C-alpha cells in the first residue's frame, strides 16, 4: 500500500519552475547589477511570444485552474495511441508534473489534456491554415497539367 508522504511542496512554485519561459531566462544573482530595459532572450523561431509571469509568481487561481485543466485522469487508453518523441527537457518536466501533482495521472493523459485544450483554442485557425495550404497545392497542381 503506497504511503502518503507530505513533501511540503508548494504547487504554485513547482508549476512556475517548469514553465518554458522561466527556463529560458537566466537567474539573476544578488551580485548582478539590475539592468533596466533589458531585452528578453531570443525565442526559438516559430514560437509565439507569451506573456511572461509576474514577479510575484503564479497566482493561486491560475495554479488551481492549471491543475484542474491538465493534471487529471482521462478515459484515453495509451495502448490505443501512437509513440510520440519529445525533447528530453520536456519529458523531464512533464514527468515531474504527473509524478508530483498527478497522483496516478499518466504522461499520456497529461498530453491528451494539453492537446485537447490546444485544439479547442486553435482548432479553427488550424483548419483555416490547412484549407489555405490545400487550396494552394490544388491550384499549383492544376497549373502544372
Protein backbone atom coordinates (compact mmCIF):
# COMPACT_ATOMS: atom_id res chain seq x y z
CA UNK A 1 0.00 0.00 0.00
CA UNK A 2 1.52 3.38 -1.01
CA UNK A 3 2.48 5.72 1.77
CA UNK A 4 1.06 9.22 1.78
CA UNK A 5 4.14 11.40 2.15
CA UNK A 6 3.89 15.10 2.88
CA UNK A 7 6.82 16.52 0.95
CA UNK A 8 6.00 20.13 1.76
CA UNK A 9 5.98 21.11 -1.92
CA UNK A 10 4.50 24.45 -2.94
CA UNK A 11 2.43 23.54 -6.03
CA UNK A 12 2.48 27.09 -7.43
CA UNK A 13 6.27 27.26 -7.11
CA UNK A 14 6.62 23.87 -8.82
CA UNK A 15 4.43 24.90 -11.72
CA UNK A 16 6.34 28.14 -12.05
CA UNK A 17 9.63 26.21 -12.10
CA UNK A 18 8.58 24.04 -15.06
CA UNK A 19 7.28 26.81 -17.32
CA UNK A 20 9.34 27.06 -20.54
CA UNK A 21 9.50 30.86 -20.32
CA UNK A 22 11.26 30.65 -16.98
CA UNK A 23 13.80 28.12 -18.20
CA UNK A 24 14.88 30.47 -20.96
CA UNK A 25 15.54 33.44 -18.66
CA UNK A 26 18.81 33.47 -16.72
CA UNK A 27 18.51 33.59 -12.96
CA UNK A 28 19.70 36.91 -11.57
CA UNK A 29 22.10 36.79 -8.68
CA UNK A 30 22.35 39.38 -5.93
CA UNK A 31 25.80 40.37 -7.22
CA UNK A 32 24.48 41.12 -10.71
CA UNK A 33 23.51 44.78 -11.19
CA UNK A 34 19.88 45.35 -12.08
CA UNK A 35 19.56 46.06 -15.76
CA UNK A 36 16.62 48.19 -16.78
CA UNK A 37 15.12 47.91 -20.26
CA UNK A 38 16.87 44.59 -20.77
CA UNK A 39 15.58 42.82 -23.87
CA UNK A 40 14.10 39.37 -23.37
CA UNK A 41 16.18 36.43 -24.59
CA UNK A 42 15.57 35.49 -28.22
CA UNK A 43 12.81 32.92 -28.70
CA UNK A 44 13.20 29.92 -30.98
CA UNK A 45 11.88 30.63 -34.46
CA UNK A 46 8.24 29.75 -34.94
CA UNK A 47 7.33 30.15 -31.29
CA UNK A 48 4.88 32.93 -30.40
CA UNK A 49 5.85 35.32 -27.61
CA UNK A 50 3.87 34.52 -24.50
CA UNK A 51 3.15 36.78 -21.58
CA UNK A 52 5.90 36.43 -19.01
CA UNK A 53 4.88 35.58 -15.48
CA UNK A 54 4.63 38.37 -12.93
CA UNK A 55 7.43 38.90 -10.45
CA UNK A 56 5.13 37.76 -7.65
CA UNK A 57 4.77 34.34 -9.21
CA UNK A 58 1.76 32.44 -10.42
CA UNK A 59 -1.50 33.47 -8.81
CA UNK A 60 -3.08 30.66 -6.84
CA UNK A 61 -6.22 30.74 -9.02
CA UNK A 62 -4.18 30.16 -12.16
CA UNK A 63 -2.33 27.29 -10.50
CA UNK A 64 -5.61 25.67 -9.44
CA UNK A 65 -7.06 26.16 -12.93
CA UNK A 66 -3.96 24.57 -14.47
CA UNK A 67 -4.24 21.55 -12.20
CA UNK A 68 -7.97 21.11 -12.95
CA UNK A 69 -7.47 21.53 -16.69
CA UNK A 70 -4.36 19.47 -17.37
CA UNK A 71 -3.40 17.26 -14.43
CA UNK A 72 -6.38 14.93 -14.42
CA UNK A 73 -7.08 11.38 -15.46
CA UNK A 74 -8.75 10.78 -18.82
CA UNK A 75 -10.52 7.88 -20.45
CA UNK A 76 -7.78 7.80 -23.08
CA UNK A 77 -6.10 4.40 -23.38
CA UNK A 78 -2.40 4.93 -24.10
CA UNK A 79 -2.19 1.49 -25.71
CA UNK A 80 -4.52 2.64 -28.50
CA UNK A 81 -2.35 5.69 -29.27
CA UNK A 82 0.95 6.14 -31.01
CA UNK A 83 4.52 6.68 -29.87
CA UNK A 84 5.48 10.32 -29.60
CA UNK A 85 9.02 11.63 -29.27
CA UNK A 86 9.78 14.88 -27.49
CA UNK A 87 12.71 16.88 -26.21
CA UNK A 88 14.27 15.32 -23.13
CA UNK A 89 13.79 18.51 -21.10
CA UNK A 90 10.02 18.47 -21.84
CA UNK A 91 9.81 14.80 -20.88
CA UNK A 92 11.57 15.56 -17.60
CA UNK A 93 9.21 18.46 -16.80
CA UNK A 94 6.09 16.52 -17.70
CA UNK A 95 7.32 13.57 -15.62
CA UNK A 96 7.74 15.88 -12.62
CA UNK A 97 4.27 17.34 -13.12
CA UNK A 98 2.47 14.00 -13.31
CA UNK A 99 4.54 12.35 -10.57
CA UNK A 100 4.21 15.15 -8.02
CA UNK A 101 0.86 16.71 -8.90
CA UNK A 102 -0.89 13.95 -10.78
CA UNK A 103 -1.34 11.11 -8.30
CA UNK A 104 -1.94 8.40 -10.87
CA UNK A 105 -2.12 10.60 -13.96
CA UNK A 106 -0.02 9.26 -16.81
CA UNK A 107 2.12 11.25 -19.20
CA UNK A 108 -0.29 10.17 -21.96
CA UNK A 109 -3.28 11.54 -20.06
CA UNK A 110 -1.49 14.83 -19.40
CA UNK A 111 -0.54 15.23 -23.07
CA UNK A 112 -4.08 14.31 -24.13
CA UNK A 113 -5.43 17.10 -21.89
CA UNK A 114 -2.90 19.63 -23.21
CA UNK A 115 -3.67 18.74 -26.83
CA UNK A 116 -7.41 18.84 -26.21
CA UNK A 117 -7.11 22.39 -24.89
CA UNK A 118 -4.79 23.36 -27.76
CA UNK A 119 -7.25 22.20 -30.42
CA UNK A 120 -10.19 23.73 -28.57
CA UNK A 121 -8.39 27.07 -28.62
CA UNK A 122 -6.68 26.94 -32.03
CA UNK A 123 -8.72 24.35 -33.96
CA UNK A 124 -10.44 26.85 -36.24
CA UNK A 125 -7.14 28.57 -37.04
CA UNK A 126 -5.52 25.22 -37.83
CA UNK A 127 -8.45 24.29 -40.10
CA UNK A 128 -8.16 27.64 -41.92
CA UNK A 129 -4.42 27.17 -42.47
CA UNK A 130 -4.90 23.59 -43.68
CA UNK A 131 -7.61 24.67 -46.16
CA UNK A 132 -5.42 27.51 -47.45
CA UNK A 133 -2.46 25.19 -47.96
CA UNK A 134 -4.64 22.50 -49.55
CA UNK A 135 -6.06 25.08 -51.99
CA UNK A 136 -2.52 26.29 -52.81
CA UNK A 137 -1.48 22.72 -53.60
CA UNK A 138 -4.55 22.13 -55.78
CA UNK A 139 -4.05 25.42 -57.62
CA UNK A 140 -0.36 24.68 -58.24
CA UNK A 141 -1.14 21.13 -59.41
CA UNK A 142 -3.87 22.43 -61.74
CA UNK A 143 -1.50 24.88 -63.44
CA UNK A 144 1.17 22.21 -63.98
CA UNK A 145 -1.15 19.97 -66.01
